[in-house]
């Protein structure tokens, strides 16, 4: 019986998600920026409850990863992203935006206090709407000029090598070397 109730809540949440995303998108002006456009500044609140914005990281390549504790690929990517930031030697900043309750975020952030990445919380899913997140994981690479370089939706940990290559090219040239067909937002993978 408990399993059935949990399944019903899960189905209800997922069935309401498209309506929420349409509502969130409309609430934030309806335009979701794409590759080459300025990234939304707001990326959540830190453990100290202060607003975190991209302007603090101008001049660095920024990786914004939206994640939740219930998302296995999201949990797998956090240590990989932490290693990518370390390898960037101060030129890369990872911001991991947790979309769950503030209490869940605080509990997880305390467990991950050894991670060098910026953990933020967006429990009202404002940045979720600003970035047009449709599912998790969702990763956005932002150049030093705070413009979107790439967007990945629904990817797996095996694609993080591609992200690392994009970051290397972005650090070197300001923009990654991608074929013309890949410059558009990548298709979600399952």
Protein backbone atom coordinates (compact mmCIF):
# COMPACT_ATOMS: atom_id res chain seq x y z
CA UNK A 1 0.00 0.00 0.00
CA UNK A 2 2.81 2.44 0.86
CA UNK A 3 4.49 1.67 -2.46
CA UNK A 4 1.24 2.37 -4.30
CA UNK A 5 0.86 5.76 -2.56
CA UNK A 6 4.45 6.71 -3.38
CA UNK A 7 3.92 5.70 -7.02
CA UNK A 8 0.74 7.76 -7.20
CA UNK A 9 2.52 10.82 -5.77
CA UNK A 10 5.39 10.32 -8.22
CA UNK A 11 2.98 10.07 -11.20
CA UNK A 12 1.07 13.13 -9.96
CA UNK A 13 4.28 15.15 -9.66
CA UNK A 14 5.46 14.20 -13.14
CA UNK A 15 2.05 14.85 -14.69
CA UNK A 16 1.99 18.34 -13.14
CA UNK A 17 5.55 19.18 -14.25
CA UNK A 18 4.69 20.31 -17.83
CA UNK A 19 2.04 22.69 -16.49
CA UNK A 20 4.50 24.05 -13.93
CA UNK A 21 7.16 24.59 -16.59
CA UNK A 22 4.77 26.46 -18.88
CA UNK A 23 3.62 28.58 -15.93
CA UNK A 24 7.20 29.21 -14.76
CA UNK A 25 8.30 30.13 -18.27
CA UNK A 26 5.43 32.61 -18.63
CA UNK A 27 6.15 34.06 -15.19
CA UNK A 28 9.71 34.88 -16.21
CA UNK A 29 8.95 36.61 -19.47
CA UNK A 30 8.49 33.51 -21.61
CA UNK A 31 11.90 33.78 -23.33
CA UNK A 32 14.33 31.03 -22.51
CA UNK A 33 17.83 32.08 -23.61
CA UNK A 34 19.70 29.77 -25.92
CA UNK A 35 23.27 29.28 -27.08
CA UNK A 36 24.98 32.64 -27.67
CA UNK A 37 22.57 34.61 -25.52
CA UNK A 38 23.19 36.12 -22.09
CA UNK A 39 22.58 33.62 -19.30
CA UNK A 40 20.07 34.51 -16.56
CA UNK A 41 21.95 35.94 -13.60
CA UNK A 42 20.01 34.30 -10.76
CA UNK A 43 21.20 30.79 -9.83
CA UNK A 44 19.69 30.29 -6.38
CA UNK A 45 20.64 30.89 -2.78
CA UNK A 46 23.75 29.69 -0.98
CA UNK A 47 23.86 27.79 2.30
CA UNK A 48 24.07 31.21 3.98
CA UNK A 49 20.70 32.13 2.31
CA UNK A 50 22.37 34.84 0.21
CA UNK A 51 21.42 35.23 -3.43
CA UNK A 52 24.01 33.79 -5.83
CA UNK A 53 24.34 35.47 -9.23
CA UNK A 54 26.56 34.87 -12.23
CA UNK A 55 28.09 38.35 -12.06
CA UNK A 56 30.26 37.11 -9.19
CA UNK A 57 31.92 34.72 -11.66
CA UNK A 58 32.42 37.01 -14.68
CA UNK A 59 35.74 36.15 -16.31
CA UNK A 60 35.44 32.44 -15.46
CA UNK A 61 33.80 29.68 -17.44
CA UNK A 62 30.74 28.68 -15.42
CA UNK A 63 29.00 25.31 -15.39
CA UNK A 64 25.46 25.46 -13.99
CA UNK A 65 24.10 22.03 -13.15
CA UNK A 66 20.50 21.56 -11.99
CA UNK A 67 20.15 18.51 -9.78
CA UNK A 68 18.15 16.71 -7.10
CA UNK A 69 18.92 13.95 -4.62
CA UNK A 70 16.36 11.63 -6.22
CA UNK A 71 18.18 11.84 -9.61
CA UNK A 72 20.92 9.12 -9.80
CA UNK A 73 22.81 10.69 -12.77
CA UNK A 74 22.78 14.03 -10.93
CA UNK A 75 24.35 12.47 -7.84
CA UNK A 76 26.96 10.70 -10.00
CA UNK A 77 27.98 13.89 -11.77
CA UNK A 78 28.62 16.06 -8.67
CA UNK A 79 32.04 14.54 -7.84
CA UNK A 80 32.97 14.60 -11.53
CA UNK A 81 32.03 18.28 -11.77
CA UNK A 82 34.02 18.96 -8.60
CA UNK A 83 37.06 17.37 -10.29
CA UNK A 84 36.47 19.43 -13.44
CA UNK A 85 36.46 22.59 -11.34
CA UNK A 86 39.70 21.56 -9.60
CA UNK A 87 41.32 20.83 -12.96
CA UNK A 88 40.26 24.29 -14.17
CA UNK A 89 42.72 25.83 -11.71
CA UNK A 90 40.55 28.81 -10.81
CA UNK A 91 39.27 29.43 -14.34
CA UNK A 92 36.12 27.28 -14.01
CA UNK A 93 33.29 27.65 -11.50
CA UNK A 94 30.68 24.95 -11.06
CA UNK A 95 27.34 25.99 -9.60
CA UNK A 96 25.12 23.05 -8.63
CA UNK A 97 21.52 24.23 -8.26
CA UNK A 98 19.43 21.96 -6.05
CA UNK A 99 15.71 22.19 -6.77
CA UNK A 100 14.42 20.53 -3.60
CA UNK A 101 13.28 21.91 -0.25
CA UNK A 102 15.61 24.16 1.72
CA UNK A 103 15.89 21.48 4.46
CA UNK A 104 16.96 18.81 1.95
CA UNK A 105 19.45 21.23 0.42
CA UNK A 106 20.99 22.11 3.81
CA UNK A 107 21.34 18.46 4.76
CA UNK A 108 23.01 17.56 1.46
CA UNK A 109 25.19 20.70 1.37
CA UNK A 110 26.59 19.86 4.80
CA UNK A 111 27.46 16.35 3.59
CA UNK A 112 29.14 17.83 0.49
CA UNK A 113 31.01 20.60 2.32
CA UNK A 114 34.31 19.23 0.99
CA UNK A 115 33.25 19.92 -2.60
CA UNK A 116 34.87 23.03 -4.06
CA UNK A 117 31.77 23.79 -6.14
CA UNK A 118 29.14 26.42 -5.29
CA UNK A 119 26.02 24.63 -4.06
CA UNK A 120 22.83 26.65 -4.30
CA UNK A 121 19.16 26.06 -3.59
CA UNK A 122 16.25 27.10 -5.77
CA UNK A 123 13.31 25.60 -3.94
CA UNK A 124 10.80 27.94 -5.65
CA UNK A 125 12.35 26.87 -8.99
CA UNK A 126 12.81 30.43 -10.24
CA UNK A 127 16.12 29.69 -11.98
CA UNK A 128 14.58 26.42 -13.18
CA UNK A 129 12.10 28.54 -15.14
CA UNK A 130 14.66 31.14 -16.23
CA UNK A 131 16.88 28.45 -17.74
CA UNK A 132 13.99 26.45 -19.24
CA UNK A 133 14.79 23.27 -17.33
CA UNK A 134 12.45 20.49 -18.46
CA UNK A 135 14.08 17.60 -16.63
CA UNK A 136 17.12 16.53 -14.68
CA UNK A 137 20.00 16.44 -15.08
CA UNK A 138 20.28 19.75 -16.94
CA UNK A 139 23.66 21.38 -17.50
CA UNK A 140 24.51 24.79 -18.96
CA UNK A 141 28.05 25.90 -19.87
CA UNK A 142 28.48 29.67 -19.74
CA UNK A 143 31.45 31.53 -21.19
CA UNK A 144 33.58 34.18 -19.50
CA UNK A 145 31.29 36.83 -21.03
CA UNK A 146 28.28 35.22 -19.25
CA UNK A 147 26.78 34.02 -22.54
CA UNK A 148 25.50 30.47 -22.95
CA UNK A 149 27.95 28.18 -24.73
CA UNK A 150 25.96 24.93 -24.55
CA UNK A 151 22.93 23.31 -22.96
CA UNK A 152 22.58 19.62 -22.17
CA UNK A 153 19.34 18.02 -21.07
CA UNK A 154 18.79 14.50 -19.83
CA UNK A 155 22.35 13.33 -20.39
CA UNK A 156 24.29 10.62 -18.62
CA UNK A 157 27.64 10.69 -16.83
CA UNK A 158 29.34 9.26 -19.95
CA UNK A 159 28.71 12.62 -21.70
CA UNK A 160 30.74 14.53 -19.11
CA UNK A 161 33.86 13.85 -21.21
CA UNK A 162 32.21 15.91 -23.96
CA UNK A 163 31.49 18.63 -21.40
CA UNK A 164 35.15 18.59 -20.34
CA UNK A 165 36.20 19.00 -24.01
CA UNK A 166 33.77 21.94 -24.40
CA UNK A 167 35.19 23.53 -21.27
CA UNK A 168 38.76 23.13 -22.50
CA UNK A 169 37.87 24.75 -25.84
CA UNK A 170 35.93 27.52 -24.11
CA UNK A 171 38.85 28.26 -21.79
CA UNK A 172 41.24 28.35 -24.74
CA UNK A 173 39.19 30.26 -27.28
CA UNK A 174 36.21 31.73 -25.48
CA UNK A 175 33.87 29.46 -27.46
CA UNK A 176 34.00 25.71 -28.01
CA UNK A 177 34.85 24.25 -31.40
CA UNK A 178 31.61 22.47 -32.29
CA UNK A 179 30.23 21.47 -35.67
CA UNK A 180 27.49 23.79 -36.98
CA UNK A 181 24.79 21.19 -36.31
CA UNK A 182 25.91 20.83 -32.68
CA UNK A 183 25.79 24.57 -32.00
CA UNK A 184 22.07 24.22 -31.50
CA UNK A 185 20.78 22.91 -28.21
CA UNK A 186 21.62 19.18 -28.03
CA UNK A 187 18.85 16.60 -28.09
CA UNK A 188 17.99 14.90 -24.80
CA UNK A 189 19.28 11.36 -24.43
CA UNK A 190 17.80 8.59 -22.44
